[in-house]
Protein backbone atom coordinates (compact mmCIF):
# COMPACT_ATOMS: atom_id res chain seq x y z
CA UNK A 1 1.77 2.90 1.86
CA UNK A 2 5.09 2.46 3.61
CA UNK A 3 8.02 0.19 2.88
CA UNK A 4 6.83 -2.71 5.04
CA UNK A 5 3.33 -2.91 3.57
CA UNK A 6 4.59 -4.52 0.37
CA UNK A 7 4.57 -8.30 -0.04
CA UNK A 8 8.01 -8.42 -1.69
CA UNK A 9 9.54 -6.43 1.18
CA UNK A 10 7.91 -8.62 3.85
CA UNK A 11 9.04 -11.83 2.18
CA UNK A 12 12.64 -10.61 1.98
CA UNK A 13 12.78 -8.65 5.24
CA UNK A 14 14.63 -11.29 7.29
CA UNK A 15 17.17 -11.74 4.53
CA UNK A 16 18.13 -8.13 4.06
CA UNK A 17 18.02 -7.31 7.78
CA UNK A 18 20.47 -10.14 8.42
CA UNK A 19 22.80 -8.69 5.77
CA UNK A 20 22.32 -5.17 7.11
CA UNK A 21 23.20 -6.03 10.70
CA UNK A 22 25.68 -8.90 10.17
CA UNK A 23 28.66 -6.67 11.03
CA UNK A 24 26.83 -4.15 13.21
CA UNK A 25 28.02 -4.50 16.80
CA UNK A 26 25.22 -2.22 17.98
CA UNK A 27 22.86 -5.18 17.50
CA UNK A 28 24.75 -7.52 19.83
CA UNK A 29 22.43 -8.96 22.46
CA UNK A 30 19.29 -7.79 20.62
CA UNK A 31 17.07 -10.84 21.26
CA UNK A 32 18.41 -11.56 24.74
CA UNK A 33 17.71 -7.98 25.79
CA UNK A 34 13.99 -8.45 25.14
CA UNK A 35 13.95 -11.93 26.61
CA UNK A 36 15.45 -10.55 29.82
CA UNK A 37 12.83 -7.75 29.91
CA UNK A 38 10.07 -10.30 29.35
CA UNK A 39 11.32 -12.51 32.17
CA UNK A 40 11.42 -9.54 34.54
CA UNK A 41 8.29 -7.66 33.49
CA UNK A 42 6.21 -9.97 31.29
CA UNK A 43 4.53 -12.14 33.91
CA UNK A 44 1.17 -10.59 33.03
CA UNK A 45 1.62 -11.17 29.31
CA UNK A 46 3.66 -9.48 26.58
CA UNK A 47 2.60 -7.77 23.35
CA UNK A 48 5.15 -7.27 20.58
CA UNK A 49 3.92 -4.17 18.72
CA UNK A 50 5.20 -3.64 15.18
CA UNK A 51 6.33 -7.25 15.43
CA UNK A 52 7.27 -7.39 11.74
CA UNK A 53 8.19 -10.90 10.67
CA UNK A 54 8.42 -12.01 14.28
CA UNK A 55 12.10 -11.95 15.30
CA UNK A 56 11.41 -10.87 18.89
CA UNK A 57 7.92 -12.38 19.08
CA UNK A 58 9.01 -15.91 18.14
CA UNK A 59 12.19 -15.76 20.23
CA UNK A 60 10.09 -14.99 23.31
CA UNK A 61 7.49 -17.64 22.49
CA UNK A 62 10.22 -20.24 21.95
CA UNK A 63 11.42 -19.53 25.50
CA UNK A 64 7.98 -19.98 27.03
CA UNK A 65 6.90 -16.34 27.26
CA UNK A 66 3.16 -15.63 26.97
CA UNK A 67 3.28 -13.21 24.03
CA UNK A 68 1.01 -11.81 21.31
CA UNK A 69 2.15 -9.99 18.19
CA UNK A 70 0.61 -7.19 16.16
CA UNK A 71 1.74 -5.16 13.16
CA UNK A 72 0.24 -2.57 10.84
CA UNK A 73 1.44 -4.55 7.82
CA UNK A 74 -0.78 -7.49 6.93
CA UNK A 75 2.03 -8.92 4.80
CA UNK A 76 4.47 -8.87 7.73
CA UNK A 77 1.89 -10.62 9.91
CA UNK A 78 1.48 -13.35 7.30
CA UNK A 79 5.23 -14.01 7.20
CA UNK A 80 5.42 -14.11 11.00
CA UNK A 81 2.46 -16.54 11.17
CA UNK A 82 4.07 -18.89 8.64
CA UNK A 83 7.31 -18.87 10.62
CA UNK A 84 5.44 -19.61 13.86
CA UNK A 85 3.68 -22.56 12.21
CA UNK A 86 6.98 -23.98 10.93
CA UNK A 87 8.44 -23.67 14.43
CA UNK A 88 5.43 -25.34 16.02
CA UNK A 89 4.62 -22.24 18.09
CA UNK A 90 1.07 -21.20 18.90
CA UNK A 91 1.02 -17.42 19.12
CA UNK A 92 -1.67 -14.89 18.33
CA UNK A 93 -0.62 -12.51 15.55
CA UNK A 94 -3.02 -9.90 14.28
CA UNK A 95 -2.90 -6.91 11.94
CA UNK A 96 -3.57 -3.61 13.74
CA UNK A 97 -2.50 0.01 14.01
CA UNK A 98 -0.56 0.73 17.24
CA UNK A 99 -2.64 3.89 17.72
CA UNK A 100 -5.88 1.89 17.86
CA UNK A 101 -5.25 -1.80 18.56
CA UNK A 102 -7.34 -3.58 21.18
CA UNK A 103 -7.09 -6.98 22.76
CA UNK A 104 -9.29 -9.06 25.01
CA UNK A 105 -6.60 -8.81 27.66
CA UNK A 106 -4.09 -6.41 29.16
CA UNK A 107 -0.33 -6.86 29.20
CA UNK A 108 2.39 -6.19 31.74
CA UNK A 109 4.98 -5.53 28.99
CA UNK A 110 4.70 -3.92 25.56
CA UNK A 111 7.65 -4.02 23.15
CA UNK A 112 8.23 -1.81 20.12
CA UNK A 113 11.60 -3.01 18.84
CA UNK A 114 14.00 -1.39 16.40
CA UNK A 115 12.42 1.53 14.48
CA UNK A 116 8.74 0.66 14.92
CA UNK A 117 7.87 3.79 16.91
CA UNK A 118 9.79 6.01 14.50
CA UNK A 119 7.46 5.02 11.67
CA UNK A 120 4.77 7.16 13.31
CA UNK A 121 5.25 10.29 11.16
CA UNK A 122 3.63 12.98 13.37
CA UNK A 123 3.59 13.98 17.06
CA UNK A 124 -0.19 13.47 17.09
CA UNK A 125 0.21 9.84 16.02
CA UNK A 126 3.03 9.30 18.52
CA UNK A 127 0.82 10.66 21.28
CA UNK A 128 -2.13 8.53 20.13
CA UNK A 129 0.02 5.42 20.14
CA UNK A 130 1.41 6.03 23.63
CA UNK A 131 -2.03 6.76 25.07
CA UNK A 132 -3.50 3.68 23.42
CA UNK A 133 -0.67 1.41 24.55
CA UNK A 134 -1.03 2.77 28.08
CA UNK A 135 -4.66 1.61 28.05
CA UNK A 136 -3.57 -1.90 27.06
CA UNK A 137 -1.10 -2.19 29.96
CA UNK A 138 -1.72 -3.39 33.50
CA UNK A 139 -1.05 -0.95 36.34
CA UNK A 140 2.69 -0.39 36.51
CA UNK A 141 3.11 -2.04 33.11
CA UNK A 142 6.27 -1.50 31.09
CA UNK A 143 6.73 -0.16 27.55
CA UNK A 144 10.04 -0.27 25.71
CA UNK A 145 10.67 1.52 22.42
CA UNK A 146 13.60 2.81 20.40
CA UNK A 147 14.61 6.19 19.01
CA UNK A 148 17.93 7.62 17.89
CA UNK A 149 19.30 11.05 18.61
CA UNK A 150 19.10 13.21 15.47
CA UNK A 151 22.54 14.21 14.20
CA UNK A 152 22.70 17.77 12.78
CA UNK A 153 25.47 16.98 10.29
CA UNK A 154 23.46 14.06 8.90
CA UNK A 155 20.32 16.19 8.76
CA UNK A 156 22.21 18.90 6.89
CA UNK A 157 23.34 16.41 4.24
CA UNK A 158 19.87 14.89 3.89
CA UNK A 159 18.35 18.34 3.42
CA UNK A 160 20.44 18.67 0.24
CA UNK A 161 19.13 15.46 -1.31
CA UNK A 162 15.92 14.43 -3.06
CA UNK A 163 13.94 11.15 -2.87
CA UNK A 164 15.73 10.13 -6.11
CA UNK A 165 19.35 10.59 -4.97
CA UNK A 166 20.13 6.93 -4.39
CA UNK A 167 23.05 5.59 -2.36
CA UNK A 168 24.02 1.92 -2.20
CA UNK A 169 23.09 0.29 1.13
CA UNK A 170 23.50 -3.49 1.03
CA UNK A 171 23.54 -6.57 -1.17
CA UNK A 172 21.87 -9.87 -0.28
CA UNK A 173 20.26 -12.95 -1.84
CA UNK A 174 16.48 -12.67 -2.07
CA UNK A 175 13.81 -15.32 -1.45
CA UNK A 176 13.97 -16.43 -5.08
CA UNK A 177 17.72 -17.04 -4.89
CA UNK A 178 18.68 -13.97 -6.91
CA UNK A 179 21.28 -11.39 -5.95
CA UNK A 180 19.65 -8.12 -5.00
CA UNK A 181 21.00 -4.67 -4.14
CA UNK A 182 19.21 -2.06 -2.04
CA UNK A 183 19.73 1.66 -2.63
CA UNK A 184 18.40 4.37 -0.30
CA UNK A 185 17.30 7.89 -1.19
CA UNK A 186 16.39 9.83 1.95
CA UNK A 187 15.73 13.53 2.48
CA UNK A 188 14.88 15.44 5.66
CA UNK A 189 12.34 18.12 6.51
CA UNK A 190 13.55 20.06 9.60
CA UNK A 191 10.09 21.50 10.27
CA UNK A 192 8.24 18.17 10.49
CA UNK A 193 11.40 16.25 11.58
CA UNK A 194 10.49 13.66 8.98
CA UNK A 195 12.92 11.53 6.99
CA UNK A 196 11.26 10.44 3.78
CA UNK A 197 12.19 8.98 0.45
CA UNK A 198 12.50 5.64 -1.30
CA UNK A 199 14.27 2.31 -1.24
CA UNK A 200 15.17 0.89 -4.63
CA UNK A 201 15.55 -2.89 -4.97
CA UNK A 202 17.58 -3.96 -8.01
CA UNK A 203 17.56 -7.69 -8.83
CA UNK A 204 20.20 -9.49 -10.92
CA UNK A 205 20.26 -12.88 -12.64
CA UNK A 206 23.17 -15.31 -12.59
CA UNK A 207 24.87 -13.42 -15.41
CA UNK A 208 24.82 -10.15 -13.48
CA UNK A 209 22.10 -8.65 -15.66
CA UNK A 210 19.36 -6.49 -14.13
CA UNK A 211 16.06 -8.36 -14.31
CA UNK A 212 13.88 -6.07 -12.18
CA UNK A 213 13.75 -2.83 -10.20
CA UNK A 214 11.22 -1.92 -7.51
CA UNK A 215 10.75 1.40 -5.73
CA UNK A 216 9.25 1.33 -2.24
CA UNK A 217 8.48 4.48 -0.17
CA UNK A 218 9.56 5.04 3.42
CA UNK A 219 8.86 7.72 6.03
CA UNK A 220 10.13 8.02 9.60
CA UNK A 221 10.16 10.80 12.18
CA UNK A 222 13.16 11.80 14.24
CA UNK A 223 12.44 12.52 17.90
CA UNK A 224 14.81 14.43 20.14
CA UNK A 225 15.58 12.90 23.52
CA UNK A 226 14.08 15.71 25.61
CA UNK A 227 11.04 15.69 23.34
CA UNK A 228 10.60 11.95 24.01
CA UNK A 229 10.91 12.45 27.77
CA UNK A 230 8.16 15.07 27.79
CA UNK A 231 5.95 13.05 25.44
CA UNK A 232 6.23 10.00 27.69
CA UNK A 233 5.38 12.01 30.79
CA UNK A 234 2.43 13.77 29.17
CA UNK A 235 1.03 10.38 28.11
CA UNK A 236 1.17 8.91 31.59
CA UNK A 237 4.57 7.17 31.65
CA UNK A 238 7.71 7.65 33.69
CA UNK A 239 11.17 6.95 32.33
CA UNK A 240 12.85 4.08 34.16
CA UNK A 241 15.93 3.61 31.97
CA UNK A 242 17.49 4.82 28.75
CA UNK A 243 20.02 2.35 27.37
CA UNK A 244 22.64 2.98 24.73
CA UNK A 245 22.75 -0.62 23.50
CA UNK A 246 21.29 -4.09 24.01
CA UNK A 247 23.97 -4.99 26.53
CA UNK A 248 22.38 -2.61 29.03
CA UNK A 249 24.88 0.25 28.76
CA UNK A 250 23.26 3.37 30.21
CA UNK A 251 22.81 6.26 27.77
CA UNK A 252 24.98 9.31 28.40
CA UNK A 253 25.06 12.78 26.87
CA UNK A 254 26.66 11.59 23.63
CA UNK A 255 24.43 11.10 20.60
CA UNK A 256 23.34 7.65 19.51
CA UNK A 257 20.52 5.17 19.76
CA UNK A 258 18.18 5.23 22.74
CA UNK A 259 16.34 2.18 24.06
CA UNK A 260 13.64 3.54 26.36
CA UNK A 261 12.12 1.62 29.24
CA UNK A 262 8.97 3.38 30.43
CA UNK A 263 6.55 2.50 33.22
CA UNK A 264 2.84 3.28 33.26
CA UNK A 265 2.00 5.66 36.08
CA UNK A 266 -0.86 4.83 38.40
CA UNK A 267 -4.42 5.60 37.33
CA UNK A 268 -4.50 8.92 39.22
CA UNK A 269 -1.64 10.36 37.15
CA UNK A 270 -2.68 13.08 34.73
CA UNK A 271 -2.33 12.26 31.03
CA UNK A 272 -2.33 14.43 27.91
């Protein structure tokens, strides 16, 4: 299992993500970026893959976009469905693996926001996901996904750690009203390009006493930019844009996050 498959993580996801990104300027324009893409490319329907608890999915639906949502985590889907019901939004949300999901329709835009694609831990699974998503898109359909450029100095430090070397990440108030701290322990395997380890959630009562601790595993794969370009091409996509941020700044040669906008090639294009 991965971090997001756990009920306690799903129920608190919105809370700790808000705390995590509250002072992160790299997230400015996050929802509007996807709304703009949907308005330009989503006329044939949108699918939010790895939709999580529905941040992007419900924002698009609230603005009249025809959108479905899917996620590998059943618990995340349940949270998203409850939020949609509270908001009075009728959207289809279903649990599925992005390497295998099927729908009774095709889409003109597929979105994998934040780190969804990076949770595919092997090149084979990345390839399977891209080929499957391509089949779910209309001709000329658009796929957007995120990666970040691996940083050698960070990799070097992570290679020295173990999945038990915890570092404080954030503090927030959980769904039960208790103060909770998250600690990360991440190590890196340069052969597989996998980051793996654990998140530790420590919960405190009103007196500051520890009342519970939970360990949840996580694994992600780092993908180099040139590697992503070749993977996209081999799976029948062409790169339209690579953005540095959600304000539409074009990516340059400096390291950082990459927001990819890919277009499905025509049916005669050769795929992997």
